Every structure is written in structure tokens, then in C-alpha cells.
């Protein structure tokens, strides 16, 4: 199987792990008039992130690769940053929107690699996640006006 494809999906595992942690941080520390809405949305997203991480890691194993399994590896491979702890509610949504846009671009790159490798299963999996990411990104952009 394509080593490049496994590396691409592993970057997704790493990034979604950082995203998962960031979402928990935001869930715990969000304050302001939109607290209830954002608190609930961040929880929805970190639950989804947990499923994505597991699905991607298991796919890597099925492709006879090794998914990243430590926070150190995840921070090194991730293409998004951790939460700073200084974000207000609007900054949180802006940061997550930026993160989701990056994730969507990387998912598209992974889909292209999967198609090159003639791996429909991985391409379909990545496409399904991309569809969900696009919806979340749309919602955050609508929130920001």
C-alpha cells in the first residue's frame, strides 16, 4: 500500500488528536453570551473527533501501517496548533474555522493520494469526513457573520 497515503492519514490522526484536545479546552473555558451554544457545539465536535481519530487509526492498521499513538508525535505531525488558553469565544470560532479549512485541504490531498493508489475505501472514508468538516466550517462562518 502507498506509504504516502499512510503518512497522509497519519497526519490526519495527529491533527484530529490536537483538534480533539483544543475542542475540550474550548468546551471547558468558553465564556460569554454564546456560552450555551458554543459549549454544546464544542462537545459535539470533540465527540465526532474521537470517532474520526479511531476510524483513521484503524484504517492505517488495515493498510499495515502504524498510527501515531503519543501526544508528542501528534504535536510534531499536526498541521494545526494547540489552544493558547487566551482565546475569547469569537477567537475560538475563528481559530476552529481556520483549523477546519486546513483539515479540509489536507483531506482533499489524502483523497487524491487514495485515488492514485486505487484505494476506494480510504478515499470514501476521507470524503465522508470532508463532507462533515465542510458543514461545520459553514456553520462557524455563519456564526461569525
Protein backbone atom coordinates (compact mmCIF):
# COMPACT_ATOMS: atom_id res chain seq x y z
CA UNK A 1 0.00 0.00 0.00
CA UNK A 2 1.06 3.58 -0.59
CA UNK A 3 3.44 4.85 2.09
CA UNK A 4 2.47 8.41 1.16
CA UNK A 5 -1.19 7.60 1.76
CA UNK A 6 -0.45 6.10 5.18
CA UNK A 7 1.60 9.21 6.08
CA UNK A 8 -1.28 11.43 4.94
CA UNK A 9 -3.83 9.57 7.06
CA UNK A 10 -1.38 9.58 9.99
CA UNK A 11 -1.16 13.39 9.71
CA UNK A 12 -4.94 13.36 9.99
CA UNK A 13 -4.78 11.21 13.14
CA UNK A 14 -2.24 13.62 14.64
CA UNK A 15 -4.18 16.71 13.64
CA UNK A 16 -7.54 15.38 14.82
CA UNK A 17 -5.91 14.47 18.16
CA UNK A 18 -4.69 18.05 18.60
CA UNK A 19 -8.10 19.29 17.41
CA UNK A 20 -9.83 17.00 19.95
CA UNK A 21 -7.75 18.43 22.79
CA UNK A 22 -8.30 22.00 21.58
CA UNK A 23 -12.06 21.40 21.47
CA UNK A 24 -12.02 20.15 25.06
CA UNK A 25 -10.07 23.25 26.11
CA UNK A 26 -12.61 25.49 24.39
CA UNK A 27 -15.53 23.50 25.80
CA UNK A 28 -14.21 23.98 29.32
CA UNK A 29 -13.13 27.61 29.04
CA UNK A 30 -15.70 29.27 26.76
CA UNK A 31 -17.37 32.30 28.39
CA UNK A 32 -19.74 34.94 27.14
CA UNK A 33 -23.20 35.41 25.72
CA UNK A 34 -22.88 32.38 23.42
CA UNK A 35 -21.68 30.05 26.19
CA UNK A 36 -24.53 27.55 25.96
CA UNK A 37 -24.46 27.33 22.16
CA UNK A 38 -20.68 27.03 21.87
CA UNK A 39 -20.27 24.75 24.89
CA UNK A 40 -22.67 22.29 23.26
CA UNK A 41 -21.17 22.65 19.77
CA UNK A 42 -17.62 22.06 21.03
CA UNK A 43 -18.79 18.89 22.80
CA UNK A 44 -20.47 17.67 19.61
CA UNK A 45 -17.25 18.29 17.70
CA UNK A 46 -14.91 16.59 20.17
CA UNK A 47 -17.17 13.53 20.21
CA UNK A 48 -17.02 13.46 16.41
CA UNK A 49 -13.25 13.99 16.52
CA UNK A 50 -12.84 10.95 18.78
CA UNK A 51 -14.66 8.79 16.23
CA UNK A 52 -12.60 10.20 13.35
CA UNK A 53 -9.33 9.51 15.18
CA UNK A 54 -10.33 5.90 15.80
CA UNK A 55 -11.58 5.35 12.25
CA UNK A 56 -8.41 6.77 10.71
CA UNK A 57 -6.10 4.86 13.07
CA UNK A 58 -7.88 1.59 12.34
CA UNK A 59 -7.65 2.27 8.61
CA UNK A 60 -3.89 2.77 8.95
CA UNK A 61 -3.65 -0.57 10.75
CA UNK A 62 -5.71 -2.22 8.00
CA UNK A 63 -3.21 -0.79 5.48
CA UNK A 64 -0.43 -2.39 7.57
CA UNK A 65 0.83 0.95 8.85
CA UNK A 66 1.33 2.24 12.37
CA UNK A 67 -0.85 5.10 13.60
CA UNK A 68 0.72 7.76 15.79
CA UNK A 69 0.00 6.96 19.40
CA UNK A 70 1.64 9.61 21.55
CA UNK A 71 0.84 13.26 22.11
CA UNK A 72 4.44 14.14 21.27
CA UNK A 73 4.11 12.51 17.84
CA UNK A 74 0.75 14.18 17.30
CA UNK A 75 2.11 17.63 18.09
CA UNK A 76 5.05 17.04 15.73
CA UNK A 77 2.87 15.84 12.82
CA UNK A 78 -0.19 18.06 13.26
CA UNK A 79 -0.73 20.91 10.86
CA UNK A 80 -2.79 22.86 13.42
CA UNK A 81 -1.70 24.33 16.76
CA UNK A 82 -2.84 23.69 20.30
CA UNK A 83 -5.18 26.11 22.06
CA UNK A 84 -3.33 29.00 23.66
CA UNK A 85 -5.69 29.38 26.60
CA UNK A 86 -6.08 33.07 25.77
CA UNK A 87 -8.93 32.85 23.23
CA UNK A 88 -12.27 34.54 23.77
CA UNK A 89 -15.42 32.99 22.29
CA UNK A 90 -15.06 34.77 18.92
CA UNK A 91 -11.35 33.87 18.67
CA UNK A 92 -12.25 30.25 19.42
CA UNK A 93 -14.67 30.11 16.50
CA UNK A 94 -12.22 31.92 14.19
CA UNK A 95 -9.42 29.52 15.14
CA UNK A 96 -11.62 26.46 14.67
CA UNK A 97 -12.77 27.79 11.30
CA UNK A 98 -9.16 28.17 10.21
CA UNK A 99 -8.35 24.69 11.52
CA UNK A 100 -11.30 23.15 9.70
CA UNK A 101 -10.28 24.83 6.43
CA UNK A 102 -6.76 23.35 6.80
CA UNK A 103 -8.20 19.93 7.65
CA UNK A 104 -10.44 20.08 4.60
CA UNK A 105 -7.49 20.90 2.32
CA UNK A 106 -5.44 18.03 3.77
CA UNK A 107 -8.39 15.66 3.45
CA UNK A 108 -8.61 16.56 -0.23
CA UNK A 109 -4.90 15.85 -0.65
CA UNK A 110 -5.44 12.47 1.05
CA UNK A 111 -8.36 11.69 -1.23
CA UNK A 112 -6.13 12.36 -4.26
CA UNK A 113 -3.46 10.02 -2.85
CA UNK A 114 -6.05 7.31 -2.16
CA UNK A 115 -7.41 7.61 -5.69
CA UNK A 116 -3.86 7.35 -7.11
CA UNK A 117 -3.33 4.21 -5.02
CA UNK A 118 -6.69 2.86 -6.26
CA UNK A 119 -7.85 2.65 -2.62
CA UNK A 120 -11.58 3.37 -2.78
CA UNK A 121 -12.12 2.50 0.89
CA UNK A 122 -9.71 5.12 2.16
CA UNK A 123 -10.92 7.69 -0.40
CA UNK A 124 -14.54 7.13 0.69
CA UNK A 125 -13.62 7.40 4.36
CA UNK A 126 -11.75 10.68 3.80
CA UNK A 127 -14.56 12.04 1.63
CA UNK A 128 -17.15 11.29 4.33
CA UNK A 129 -15.14 13.18 6.92
CA UNK A 130 -14.58 16.05 4.47
CA UNK A 131 -18.34 16.37 3.99
CA UNK A 132 -18.85 16.72 7.74
CA UNK A 133 -15.95 19.19 8.07
CA UNK A 134 -17.43 21.33 5.28
CA UNK A 135 -20.75 21.51 7.17
CA UNK A 136 -19.07 22.53 10.44
CA UNK A 137 -16.99 25.13 8.61
CA UNK A 138 -20.13 26.58 7.03
CA UNK A 139 -21.81 26.79 10.44
CA UNK A 140 -18.86 28.58 12.04
CA UNK A 141 -18.64 31.03 9.15
CA UNK A 142 -22.37 31.72 9.53
CA UNK A 143 -21.85 32.26 13.26
CA UNK A 144 -19.11 34.79 12.54
CA UNK A 145 -21.35 36.59 10.02
